ModelCIF file with pLDDT and N, C-alpha, C, O atoms, coordinates in Angstrom:
data_MODEL
#
_entry.id   MODEL 
#
_entity.id                         1 
_entity.type                       polymer 
_entity.pdbx_number_of_molecules   1 
#
_entity_poly.entity_id                      1 
_entity_poly.type                           'polypeptide(L)' 
_entity_poly.nstd_linkage                   no 
_entity_poly.nstd_monomer                   no 
_entity_poly.pdbx_seq_one_letter_code       DKYRAGYEAQPKRRSEQGAIIDQLDQGFADAYYFLLASNVMVR 
_entity_poly.pdbx_seq_one_letter_code_can   DKYRAGYEAQPKRRSEQGAIIDQLDQGFADAYYFLLASNVMVR 
_entity_poly.pdbx_strand_id                 A 
#
loop_
_entity_poly_seq.entity_id 
_entity_poly_seq.num 
_entity_poly_seq.mon_id 
_entity_poly_seq.hetero 
1 1  ASP n 
1 2  LYS n 
1 3  TYR n 
1 4  ARG n 
1 5  ALA n 
1 6  GLY n 
1 7  TYR n 
1 8  GLU n 
1 9  ALA n 
1 10 GLN n 
1 11 PRO n 
1 12 LYS n 
1 13 ARG n 
1 14 ARG n 
1 15 SER n 
1 16 GLU n 
1 17 GLN n 
1 18 GLY n 
1 19 ALA n 
1 20 ILE n 
1 21 ILE n 
1 22 ASP n 
1 23 GLN n 
1 24 LEU n 
1 25 ASP n 
1 26 GLN n 
1 27 GLY n 
1 28 PHE n 
1 29 ALA n 
1 30 ASP n 
1 31 ALA n 
1 32 TYR n 
1 33 TYR n 
1 34 PHE n 
1 35 LEU n 
1 36 LEU n 
1 37 ALA n 
1 38 SER n 
1 39 ASN n 
1 40 VAL n 
1 41 MET n 
1 42 VAL n 
1 43 ARG n 
#
_struct_asym.id          A 
_struct_asym.entity_id   1 
#
loop_
_ma_qa_metric.id 
_ma_qa_metric.mode 
_ma_qa_metric.name 
_ma_qa_metric.software_group_id 
_ma_qa_metric.type 
1 global pLDDT . pLDDT 
2 local  pLDDT . pLDDT 
#
_ma_qa_metric_global.metric_id      1 
_ma_qa_metric_global.metric_value   90.98 
_ma_qa_metric_global.model_id       1 
_ma_qa_metric_global.ordinal_id     1 
#
loop_
_ma_qa_metric_local.label_asym_id 
_ma_qa_metric_local.label_comp_id 
_ma_qa_metric_local.label_seq_id 
_ma_qa_metric_local.metric_id 
_ma_qa_metric_local.metric_value 
_ma_qa_metric_local.model_id 
_ma_qa_metric_local.ordinal_id 
A ASP 1  2 94.00 1 1  
A LYS 2  2 93.00 1 2  
A TYR 3  2 93.00 1 3  
A ARG 4  2 92.00 1 4  
A ALA 5  2 91.00 1 5  
A GLY 6  2 91.00 1 6  
A TYR 7  2 92.00 1 7  
A GLU 8  2 92.00 1 8  
A ALA 9  2 90.00 1 9  
A GLN 10 2 92.00 1 10 
A PRO 11 2 92.00 1 11 
A LYS 12 2 93.00 1 12 
A ARG 13 2 94.00 1 13 
A ARG 14 2 93.00 1 14 
A SER 15 2 90.00 1 15 
A GLU 16 2 83.00 1 16 
A GLN 17 2 83.00 1 17 
A GLY 18 2 93.00 1 18 
A ALA 19 2 96.00 1 19 
A ILE 20 2 97.00 1 20 
A ILE 21 2 96.00 1 21 
A ASP 22 2 95.00 1 22 
A GLN 23 2 93.00 1 23 
A LEU 24 2 91.00 1 24 
A ASP 25 2 89.00 1 25 
A GLN 26 2 84.00 1 26 
A GLY 27 2 83.00 1 27 
A PHE 28 2 85.00 1 28 
A ALA 29 2 84.00 1 29 
A ASP 30 2 85.00 1 30 
A ALA 31 2 84.00 1 31 
A TYR 32 2 82.00 1 32 
A TYR 33 2 84.00 1 33 
A PHE 34 2 90.00 1 34 
A LEU 35 2 92.00 1 35 
A LEU 36 2 91.00 1 36 
A ALA 37 2 93.00 1 37 
A SER 38 2 95.00 1 38 
A ASN 39 2 96.00 1 39 
A VAL 40 2 96.00 1 40 
A MET 41 2 97.00 1 41 
A VAL 42 2 97.00 1 42 
A ARG 43 2 96.00 1 43 
#
loop_
_atom_site.group_PDB 
_atom_site.id 
_atom_site.type_symbol 
_atom_site.label_atom_id 
_atom_site.label_alt_id 
_atom_site.label_comp_id 
_atom_site.label_asym_id 
_atom_site.label_entity_id 
_atom_site.label_seq_id 
_atom_site.pdbx_PDB_ins_code 
_atom_site.Cartn_x 
_atom_site.Cartn_y 
_atom_site.Cartn_z 
_atom_site.occupancy 
_atom_site.B_iso_or_equiv 
_atom_site.pdbx_formal_charge 
_atom_site.auth_seq_id 
_atom_site.auth_comp_id 
_atom_site.auth_asym_id 
_atom_site.auth_atom_id 
_atom_site.pdbx_PDB_model_num 
ATOM 1   N N  . ASP A 1 1  ? 6.979   3.020   -7.402  1.00 94.00 ? 1  ASP A N  1 
ATOM 2   C CA . ASP A 1 1  ? 6.868   3.726   -8.680  1.00 94.00 ? 1  ASP A CA 1 
ATOM 3   C C  . ASP A 1 1  ? 6.194   2.847   -9.728  1.00 94.00 ? 1  ASP A C  1 
ATOM 4   O O  . ASP A 1 1  ? 5.383   3.326   -10.520 1.00 94.00 ? 1  ASP A O  1 
ATOM 5   N N  . LYS A 1 2  ? 6.531   1.573   -9.729  1.00 93.00 ? 2  LYS A N  1 
ATOM 6   C CA . LYS A 1 2  ? 5.915   0.642   -10.686 1.00 93.00 ? 2  LYS A CA 1 
ATOM 7   C C  . LYS A 1 2  ? 4.408   0.555   -10.467 1.00 93.00 ? 2  LYS A C  1 
ATOM 8   O O  . LYS A 1 2  ? 3.638   0.499   -11.427 1.00 93.00 ? 2  LYS A O  1 
ATOM 9   N N  . TYR A 1 3  ? 3.988   0.546   -9.200  1.00 93.00 ? 3  TYR A N  1 
ATOM 10  C CA . TYR A 1 3  ? 2.571   0.403   -8.866  1.00 93.00 ? 3  TYR A CA 1 
ATOM 11  C C  . TYR A 1 3  ? 1.945   1.735   -8.468  1.00 93.00 ? 3  TYR A C  1 
ATOM 12  O O  . TYR A 1 3  ? 0.950   1.764   -7.744  1.00 93.00 ? 3  TYR A O  1 
ATOM 13  N N  . ARG A 1 4  ? 2.523   2.832   -8.936  1.00 92.00 ? 4  ARG A N  1 
ATOM 14  C CA . ARG A 1 4  ? 2.159   4.162   -8.479  1.00 92.00 ? 4  ARG A CA 1 
ATOM 15  C C  . ARG A 1 4  ? 0.683   4.496   -8.693  1.00 92.00 ? 4  ARG A C  1 
ATOM 16  O O  . ARG A 1 4  ? 0.047   5.045   -7.793  1.00 92.00 ? 4  ARG A O  1 
ATOM 17  N N  . ALA A 1 5  ? 0.126   4.177   -9.860  1.00 91.00 ? 5  ALA A N  1 
ATOM 18  C CA . ALA A 1 5  ? -1.252  4.572   -10.164 1.00 91.00 ? 5  ALA A CA 1 
ATOM 19  C C  . ALA A 1 5  ? -2.230  3.994   -9.146  1.00 91.00 ? 5  ALA A C  1 
ATOM 20  O O  . ALA A 1 5  ? -3.075  4.712   -8.612  1.00 91.00 ? 5  ALA A O  1 
ATOM 21  N N  . GLY A 1 6  ? -2.111  2.704   -8.881  1.00 91.00 ? 6  GLY A N  1 
ATOM 22  C CA . GLY A 1 6  ? -3.015  2.079   -7.924  1.00 91.00 ? 6  GLY A CA 1 
ATOM 23  C C  . GLY A 1 6  ? -2.780  2.564   -6.514  1.00 91.00 ? 6  GLY A C  1 
ATOM 24  O O  . GLY A 1 6  ? -3.725  2.731   -5.744  1.00 91.00 ? 6  GLY A O  1 
ATOM 25  N N  . TYR A 1 7  ? -1.524  2.791   -6.170  1.00 92.00 ? 7  TYR A N  1 
ATOM 26  C CA . TYR A 1 7  ? -1.207  3.247   -4.820  1.00 92.00 ? 7  TYR A CA 1 
ATOM 27  C C  . TYR A 1 7  ? -1.741  4.657   -4.574  1.00 92.00 ? 7  TYR A C  1 
ATOM 28  O O  . TYR A 1 7  ? -2.294  4.932   -3.509  1.00 92.00 ? 7  TYR A O  1 
ATOM 29  N N  . GLU A 1 8  ? -1.582  5.541   -5.540  1.00 92.00 ? 8  GLU A N  1 
ATOM 30  C CA . GLU A 1 8  ? -2.074  6.906   -5.368  1.00 92.00 ? 8  GLU A CA 1 
ATOM 31  C C  . GLU A 1 8  ? -3.592  6.947   -5.280  1.00 92.00 ? 8  GLU A C  1 
ATOM 32  O O  . GLU A 1 8  ? -4.155  7.802   -4.597  1.00 92.00 ? 8  GLU A O  1 
ATOM 33  N N  . ALA A 1 9  ? -4.257  6.021   -5.973  1.00 90.00 ? 9  ALA A N  1 
ATOM 34  C CA . ALA A 1 9  ? -5.725  5.985   -5.932  1.00 90.00 ? 9  ALA A CA 1 
ATOM 35  C C  . ALA A 1 9  ? -6.261  5.357   -4.649  1.00 90.00 ? 9  ALA A C  1 
ATOM 36  O O  . ALA A 1 9  ? -7.430  5.542   -4.311  1.00 90.00 ? 9  ALA A O  1 
ATOM 37  N N  . GLN A 1 10 ? -5.419  4.618   -3.936  1.00 92.00 ? 10 GLN A N  1 
ATOM 38  C CA . GLN A 1 10 ? -5.832  3.948   -2.707  1.00 92.00 ? 10 GLN A CA 1 
ATOM 39  C C  . GLN A 1 10 ? -6.144  4.969   -1.605  1.00 92.00 ? 10 GLN A C  1 
ATOM 40  O O  . GLN A 1 10 ? -5.295  5.809   -1.306  1.00 92.00 ? 10 GLN A O  1 
ATOM 41  N N  . PRO A 1 11 ? -7.330  4.924   -0.996  1.00 92.00 ? 11 PRO A N  1 
ATOM 42  C CA . PRO A 1 11 ? -7.604  5.799   0.155   1.00 92.00 ? 11 PRO A CA 1 
ATOM 43  C C  . PRO A 1 11 ? -6.622  5.506   1.283   1.00 92.00 ? 11 PRO A C  1 
ATOM 44  O O  . PRO A 1 11 ? -6.438  4.350   1.664   1.00 92.00 ? 11 PRO A O  1 
ATOM 45  N N  . LYS A 1 12 ? -5.988  6.555   1.820   1.00 93.00 ? 12 LYS A N  1 
ATOM 46  C CA . LYS A 1 12 ? -5.000  6.381   2.879   1.00 93.00 ? 12 LYS A CA 1 
ATOM 47  C C  . LYS A 1 12 ? -4.847  7.686   3.630   1.00 93.00 ? 12 LYS A C  1 
ATOM 48  O O  . LYS A 1 12 ? -5.305  8.735   3.177   1.00 93.00 ? 12 LYS A O  1 
ATOM 49  N N  . ARG A 1 13 ? -4.209  7.615   4.765   1.00 94.00 ? 13 ARG A N  1 
ATOM 50  C CA . ARG A 1 13 ? -3.912  8.818   5.541   1.00 94.00 ? 13 ARG A CA 1 
ATOM 51  C C  . ARG A 1 13 ? -2.407  8.905   5.737   1.00 94.00 ? 13 ARG A C  1 
ATOM 52  O O  . ARG A 1 13 ? -1.713  7.893   5.843   1.00 94.00 ? 13 ARG A O  1 
ATOM 53  N N  . ARG A 1 14 ? -1.929  10.122  5.782   1.00 93.00 ? 14 ARG A N  1 
ATOM 54  C CA . ARG A 1 14 ? -0.495  10.336  5.884   1.00 93.00 ? 14 ARG A CA 1 
ATOM 55  C C  . ARG A 1 14 ? 0.009   10.054  7.291   1.00 93.00 ? 14 ARG A C  1 
ATOM 56  O O  . ARG A 1 14 ? -0.709  10.246  8.272   1.00 93.00 ? 14 ARG A O  1 
ATOM 57  N N  . SER A 1 15 ? 1.243   9.599   7.376   1.00 90.00 ? 15 SER A N  1 
ATOM 58  C CA . SER A 1 15 ? 1.910   9.383   8.647   1.00 90.00 ? 15 SER A CA 1 
ATOM 59  C C  . SER A 1 15 ? 3.387   9.693   8.462   1.00 90.00 ? 15 SER A C  1 
ATOM 60  O O  . SER A 1 15 ? 3.883   9.747   7.337   1.00 90.00 ? 15 SER A O  1 
ATOM 61  N N  . GLU A 1 16 ? 4.075   9.891   9.555   1.00 83.00 ? 16 GLU A N  1 
ATOM 62  C CA . GLU A 1 16 ? 5.520   10.091  9.497   1.00 83.00 ? 16 GLU A CA 1 
ATOM 63  C C  . GLU A 1 16 ? 6.151   8.917   8.753   1.00 83.00 ? 16 GLU A C  1 
ATOM 64  O O  . GLU A 1 16 ? 5.891   7.761   9.086   1.00 83.00 ? 16 GLU A O  1 
ATOM 65  N N  . GLN A 1 17 ? 6.969   9.203   7.759   1.00 83.00 ? 17 GLN A N  1 
ATOM 66  C CA . GLN A 1 17 ? 7.695   8.229   6.940   1.00 83.00 ? 17 GLN A CA 1 
ATOM 67  C C  . GLN A 1 17 ? 6.853   7.621   5.816   1.00 83.00 ? 17 GLN A C  1 
ATOM 68  O O  . GLN A 1 17 ? 7.406   6.970   4.929   1.00 83.00 ? 17 GLN A O  1 
ATOM 69  N N  . GLY A 1 18 ? 5.512   7.818   5.829   1.00 93.00 ? 18 GLY A N  1 
ATOM 70  C CA . GLY A 1 18 ? 4.732   7.187   4.773   1.00 93.00 ? 18 GLY A CA 1 
ATOM 71  C C  . GLY A 1 18 ? 3.244   7.378   4.929   1.00 93.00 ? 18 GLY A C  1 
ATOM 72  O O  . GLY A 1 18 ? 2.764   8.501   5.081   1.00 93.00 ? 18 GLY A O  1 
ATOM 73  N N  . ALA A 1 19 ? 2.505   6.265   4.892   1.00 96.00 ? 19 ALA A N  1 
ATOM 74  C CA . ALA A 1 19 ? 1.049   6.340   4.906   1.00 96.00 ? 19 ALA A CA 1 
ATOM 75  C C  . ALA A 1 19 ? 0.462   5.140   5.627   1.00 96.00 ? 19 ALA A C  1 
ATOM 76  O O  . ALA A 1 19 ? 1.116   4.112   5.804   1.00 96.00 ? 19 ALA A O  1 
ATOM 77  N N  . ILE A 1 20 ? -0.808  5.302   6.047   1.00 97.00 ? 20 ILE A N  1 
ATOM 78  C CA . ILE A 1 20 ? -1.568  4.223   6.663   1.00 97.00 ? 20 ILE A CA 1 
ATOM 79  C C  . ILE A 1 20 ? -2.755  3.906   5.758   1.00 97.00 ? 20 ILE A C  1 
ATOM 80  O O  . ILE A 1 20 ? -3.501  4.804   5.365   1.00 97.00 ? 20 ILE A O  1 
ATOM 81  N N  . ILE A 1 21 ? -2.923  2.648   5.436   1.00 96.00 ? 21 ILE A N  1 
ATOM 82  C CA . ILE A 1 21 ? -4.076  2.183   4.668   1.00 96.00 ? 21 ILE A CA 1 
ATOM 83  C C  . ILE A 1 21 ? -4.991  1.450   5.638   1.00 96.00 ? 21 ILE A C  1 
ATOM 84  O O  . ILE A 1 21 ? -4.659  0.369   6.125   1.00 96.00 ? 21 ILE A O  1 
ATOM 85  N N  . ASP A 1 22 ? -6.144  2.045   5.911   1.00 95.00 ? 22 ASP A N  1 
ATOM 86  C CA . ASP A 1 22 ? -7.054  1.450   6.888   1.00 95.00 ? 22 ASP A CA 1 
ATOM 87  C C  . ASP A 1 22 ? -7.777  0.230   6.337   1.00 95.00 ? 22 ASP A C  1 
ATOM 88  O O  . ASP A 1 22 ? -8.064  -0.714  7.072   1.00 95.00 ? 22 ASP A O  1 
ATOM 89  N N  . GLN A 1 23 ? -8.068  0.253   5.054   1.00 93.00 ? 23 GLN A N  1 
ATOM 90  C CA . GLN A 1 23 ? -8.758  -0.880  4.436   1.00 93.00 ? 23 GLN A CA 1 
ATOM 91  C C  . GLN A 1 23 ? -8.353  -0.947  2.974   1.00 93.00 ? 23 GLN A C  1 
ATOM 92  O O  . GLN A 1 23 ? -8.467  0.041   2.248   1.00 93.00 ? 23 GLN A O  1 
ATOM 93  N N  . LEU A 1 24 ? -7.888  -2.093  2.546   1.00 91.00 ? 24 LEU A N  1 
ATOM 94  C CA . LEU A 1 24 ? -7.463  -2.232  1.161   1.00 91.00 ? 24 LEU A CA 1 
ATOM 95  C C  . LEU A 1 24 ? -8.625  -2.000  0.211   1.00 91.00 ? 24 LEU A C  1 
ATOM 96  O O  . LEU A 1 24 ? -9.736  -2.487  0.422   1.00 91.00 ? 24 LEU A O  1 
ATOM 97  N N  . ASP A 1 25 ? -8.340  -1.247  -0.832  1.00 89.00 ? 25 ASP A N  1 
ATOM 98  C CA . ASP A 1 25 ? -9.327  -0.940  -1.855  1.00 89.00 ? 25 ASP A CA 1 
ATOM 99  C C  . ASP A 1 25 ? -9.059  -1.811  -3.082  1.00 89.00 ? 25 ASP A C  1 
ATOM 100 O O  . ASP A 1 25 ? -7.906  -2.096  -3.403  1.00 89.00 ? 25 ASP A O  1 
ATOM 101 N N  . GLN A 1 26 ? -10.119 -2.232  -3.763  1.00 84.00 ? 26 GLN A N  1 
ATOM 102 C CA . GLN A 1 26 ? -9.963  -3.097  -4.925  1.00 84.00 ? 26 GLN A CA 1 
ATOM 103 C C  . GLN A 1 26 ? -9.138  -2.444  -6.027  1.00 84.00 ? 26 GLN A C  1 
ATOM 104 O O  . GLN A 1 26 ? -8.491  -3.133  -6.816  1.00 84.00 ? 26 GLN A O  1 
ATOM 105 N N  . GLY A 1 27 ? -9.161  -1.111  -6.081  1.00 83.00 ? 27 GLY A N  1 
ATOM 106 C CA . GLY A 1 27 ? -8.389  -0.418  -7.100  1.00 83.00 ? 27 GLY A CA 1 
ATOM 107 C C  . GLY A 1 27 ? -6.894  -0.556  -6.941  1.00 83.00 ? 27 GLY A C  1 
ATOM 108 O O  . GLY A 1 27 ? -6.145  -0.395  -7.904  1.00 83.00 ? 27 GLY A O  1 
ATOM 109 N N  . PHE A 1 28 ? -6.448  -0.858  -5.717  1.00 85.00 ? 28 PHE A N  1 
ATOM 110 C CA . PHE A 1 28 ? -5.016  -1.042  -5.480  1.00 85.00 ? 28 PHE A CA 1 
ATOM 111 C C  . PHE A 1 28 ? -4.685  -2.530  -5.609  1.00 85.00 ? 28 PHE A C  1 
ATOM 112 O O  . PHE A 1 28 ? -4.170  -3.146  -4.677  1.00 85.00 ? 28 PHE A O  1 
ATOM 113 N N  . ALA A 1 29 ? -4.988  -3.092  -6.774  1.00 84.00 ? 29 ALA A N  1 
ATOM 114 C CA . ALA A 1 29 ? -4.761  -4.522  -7.005  1.00 84.00 ? 29 ALA A CA 1 
ATOM 115 C C  . ALA A 1 29 ? -3.291  -4.889  -6.858  1.00 84.00 ? 29 ALA A C  1 
ATOM 116 O O  . ALA A 1 29 ? -2.973  -6.010  -6.460  1.00 84.00 ? 29 ALA A O  1 
ATOM 117 N N  . ASP A 1 30 ? -2.394  -3.967  -7.171  1.00 85.00 ? 30 ASP A N  1 
ATOM 118 C CA . ASP A 1 30 ? -0.969  -4.269  -7.118  1.00 85.00 ? 30 ASP A CA 1 
ATOM 119 C C  . ASP A 1 30 ? -0.445  -4.422  -5.695  1.00 85.00 ? 30 ASP A C  1 
ATOM 120 O O  . ASP A 1 30 ? 0.688   -4.862  -5.501  1.00 85.00 ? 30 ASP A O  1 
ATOM 121 N N  . ALA A 1 31 ? -1.248  -4.069  -4.703  1.00 84.00 ? 31 ALA A N  1 
ATOM 122 C CA . ALA A 1 31 ? -0.826  -4.275  -3.311  1.00 84.00 ? 31 ALA A CA 1 
ATOM 123 C C  . ALA A 1 31 ? -0.511  -5.740  -3.062  1.00 84.00 ? 31 ALA A C  1 
ATOM 124 O O  . ALA A 1 31 ? 0.314   -6.073  -2.212  1.00 84.00 ? 31 ALA A O  1 
ATOM 125 N N  . TYR A 1 32 ? -1.170  -6.604  -3.805  1.00 82.00 ? 32 TYR A N  1 
ATOM 126 C CA . TYR A 1 32 ? -1.017  -8.037  -3.580  1.00 82.00 ? 32 TYR A CA 1 
ATOM 127 C C  . TYR A 1 32 ? 0.301   -8.560  -4.152  1.00 82.00 ? 32 TYR A C  1 
ATOM 128 O O  . TYR A 1 32 ? 0.739   -9.656  -3.799  1.00 82.00 ? 32 TYR A O  1 
ATOM 129 N N  . TYR A 1 33 ? 0.928   -7.790  -5.024  1.00 84.00 ? 33 TYR A N  1 
ATOM 130 C CA . TYR A 1 33 ? 2.265   -8.112  -5.518  1.00 84.00 ? 33 TYR A CA 1 
ATOM 131 C C  . TYR A 1 33 ? 3.322   -7.318  -4.749  1.00 84.00 ? 33 TYR A C  1 
ATOM 132 O O  . TYR A 1 33 ? 4.490   -7.707  -4.709  1.00 84.00 ? 33 TYR A O  1 
ATOM 133 N N  . PHE A 1 34 ? 2.919   -6.232  -4.154  1.00 90.00 ? 34 PHE A N  1 
ATOM 134 C CA . PHE A 1 34 ? 3.843   -5.354  -3.461  1.00 90.00 ? 34 PHE A CA 1 
ATOM 135 C C  . PHE A 1 34 ? 4.320   -5.951  -2.137  1.00 90.00 ? 34 PHE A C  1 
ATOM 136 O O  . PHE A 1 34 ? 5.459   -5.723  -1.729  1.00 90.00 ? 34 PHE A O  1 
ATOM 137 N N  . LEU A 1 35 ? 3.463   -6.705  -1.471  1.00 92.00 ? 35 LEU A N  1 
ATOM 138 C CA . LEU A 1 35 ? 3.800   -7.244  -0.160  1.00 92.00 ? 35 LEU A CA 1 
ATOM 139 C C  . LEU A 1 35 ? 4.629   -8.515  -0.302  1.00 92.00 ? 35 LEU A C  1 
ATOM 140 O O  . LEU A 1 35 ? 4.099   -9.582  -0.614  1.00 92.00 ? 35 LEU A O  1 
ATOM 141 N N  . LEU A 1 36 ? 5.922   -8.393  -0.072  1.00 91.00 ? 36 LEU A N  1 
ATOM 142 C CA . LEU A 1 36 ? 6.838   -9.531  -0.057  1.00 91.00 ? 36 LEU A CA 1 
ATOM 143 C C  . LEU A 1 36 ? 7.118   -9.919  1.392   1.00 91.00 ? 36 LEU A C  1 
ATOM 144 O O  . LEU A 1 36 ? 6.806   -9.162  2.311   1.00 91.00 ? 36 LEU A O  1 
ATOM 145 N N  . ALA A 1 37 ? 7.697   -11.082 1.593   1.00 93.00 ? 37 ALA A N  1 
ATOM 146 C CA . ALA A 1 37 ? 8.131   -11.411 2.952   1.00 93.00 ? 37 ALA A CA 1 
ATOM 147 C C  . ALA A 1 37 ? 9.215   -10.434 3.416   1.00 93.00 ? 37 ALA A C  1 
ATOM 148 O O  . ALA A 1 37 ? 9.168   -9.949  4.547   1.00 93.00 ? 37 ALA A O  1 
ATOM 149 N N  . SER A 1 38 ? 10.184  -10.146 2.551   1.00 95.00 ? 38 SER A N  1 
ATOM 150 C CA . SER A 1 38 ? 11.362  -9.386  2.977   1.00 95.00 ? 38 SER A CA 1 
ATOM 151 C C  . SER A 1 38 ? 11.081  -7.918  3.283   1.00 95.00 ? 38 SER A C  1 
ATOM 152 O O  . SER A 1 38 ? 11.893  -7.272  3.946   1.00 95.00 ? 38 SER A O  1 
ATOM 153 N N  . ASN A 1 39 ? 9.949   -7.371  2.819   1.00 96.00 ? 39 ASN A N  1 
ATOM 154 C CA . ASN A 1 39 ? 9.677   -5.961  3.097   1.00 96.00 ? 39 ASN A CA 1 
ATOM 155 C C  . ASN A 1 39 ? 8.559   -5.764  4.114   1.00 96.00 ? 39 ASN A C  1 
ATOM 156 O O  . ASN A 1 39 ? 8.042   -4.658  4.268   1.00 96.00 ? 39 ASN A O  1 
ATOM 157 N N  . VAL A 1 40 ? 8.187   -6.841  4.808   1.00 96.00 ? 40 VAL A N  1 
ATOM 158 C CA . VAL A 1 40 ? 7.069   -6.790  5.747   1.00 96.00 ? 40 VAL A CA 1 
ATOM 159 C C  . VAL A 1 40 ? 7.553   -7.022  7.178   1.00 96.00 ? 40 VAL A C  1 
ATOM 160 O O  . VAL A 1 40 ? 8.367   -7.907  7.443   1.00 96.00 ? 40 VAL A O  1 
ATOM 161 N N  . MET A 1 41 ? 7.036   -6.213  8.083   1.00 97.00 ? 41 MET A N  1 
ATOM 162 C CA . MET A 1 41 ? 7.179   -6.418  9.525   1.00 97.00 ? 41 MET A CA 1 
ATOM 163 C C  . MET A 1 41 ? 5.765   -6.533  10.076  1.00 97.00 ? 41 MET A C  1 
ATOM 164 O O  . MET A 1 41 ? 4.936   -5.659  9.822   1.00 97.00 ? 41 MET A O  1 
ATOM 165 N N  . VAL A 1 42 ? 5.472   -7.592  10.824  1.00 97.00 ? 42 VAL A N  1 
ATOM 166 C CA . VAL A 1 42 ? 4.087   -7.886  11.188  1.00 97.00 ? 42 VAL A CA 1 
ATOM 167 C C  . VAL A 1 42 ? 3.996   -8.261  12.660  1.00 97.00 ? 42 VAL A C  1 
ATOM 168 O O  . VAL A 1 42 ? 4.941   -8.802  13.234  1.00 97.00 ? 42 VAL A O  1 
ATOM 169 N N  . ARG A 1 43 ? 2.855   -7.968  13.262  1.00 96.00 ? 43 ARG A N  1 
ATOM 170 C CA . ARG A 1 43 ? 2.633   -8.286  14.673  1.00 96.00 ? 43 ARG A CA 1 
ATOM 171 C C  . ARG A 1 43 ? 2.547   -9.792  14.880  1.00 96.00 ? 43 ARG A C  1 
ATOM 172 O O  . ARG A 1 43 ? 2.362   -10.251 16.007  1.00 96.00 ? 43 ARG A O  1 
#
């Protein structure tokens, strides 16, 4: 909600439970603050 404007403007496709971002867009600058260690699961 805090980063809603940038997130909504980010090109993405819908998926069950949320969305997929194929390539980060410069307009979603807040993505870089959104990704914490504790909320990330990574390969």
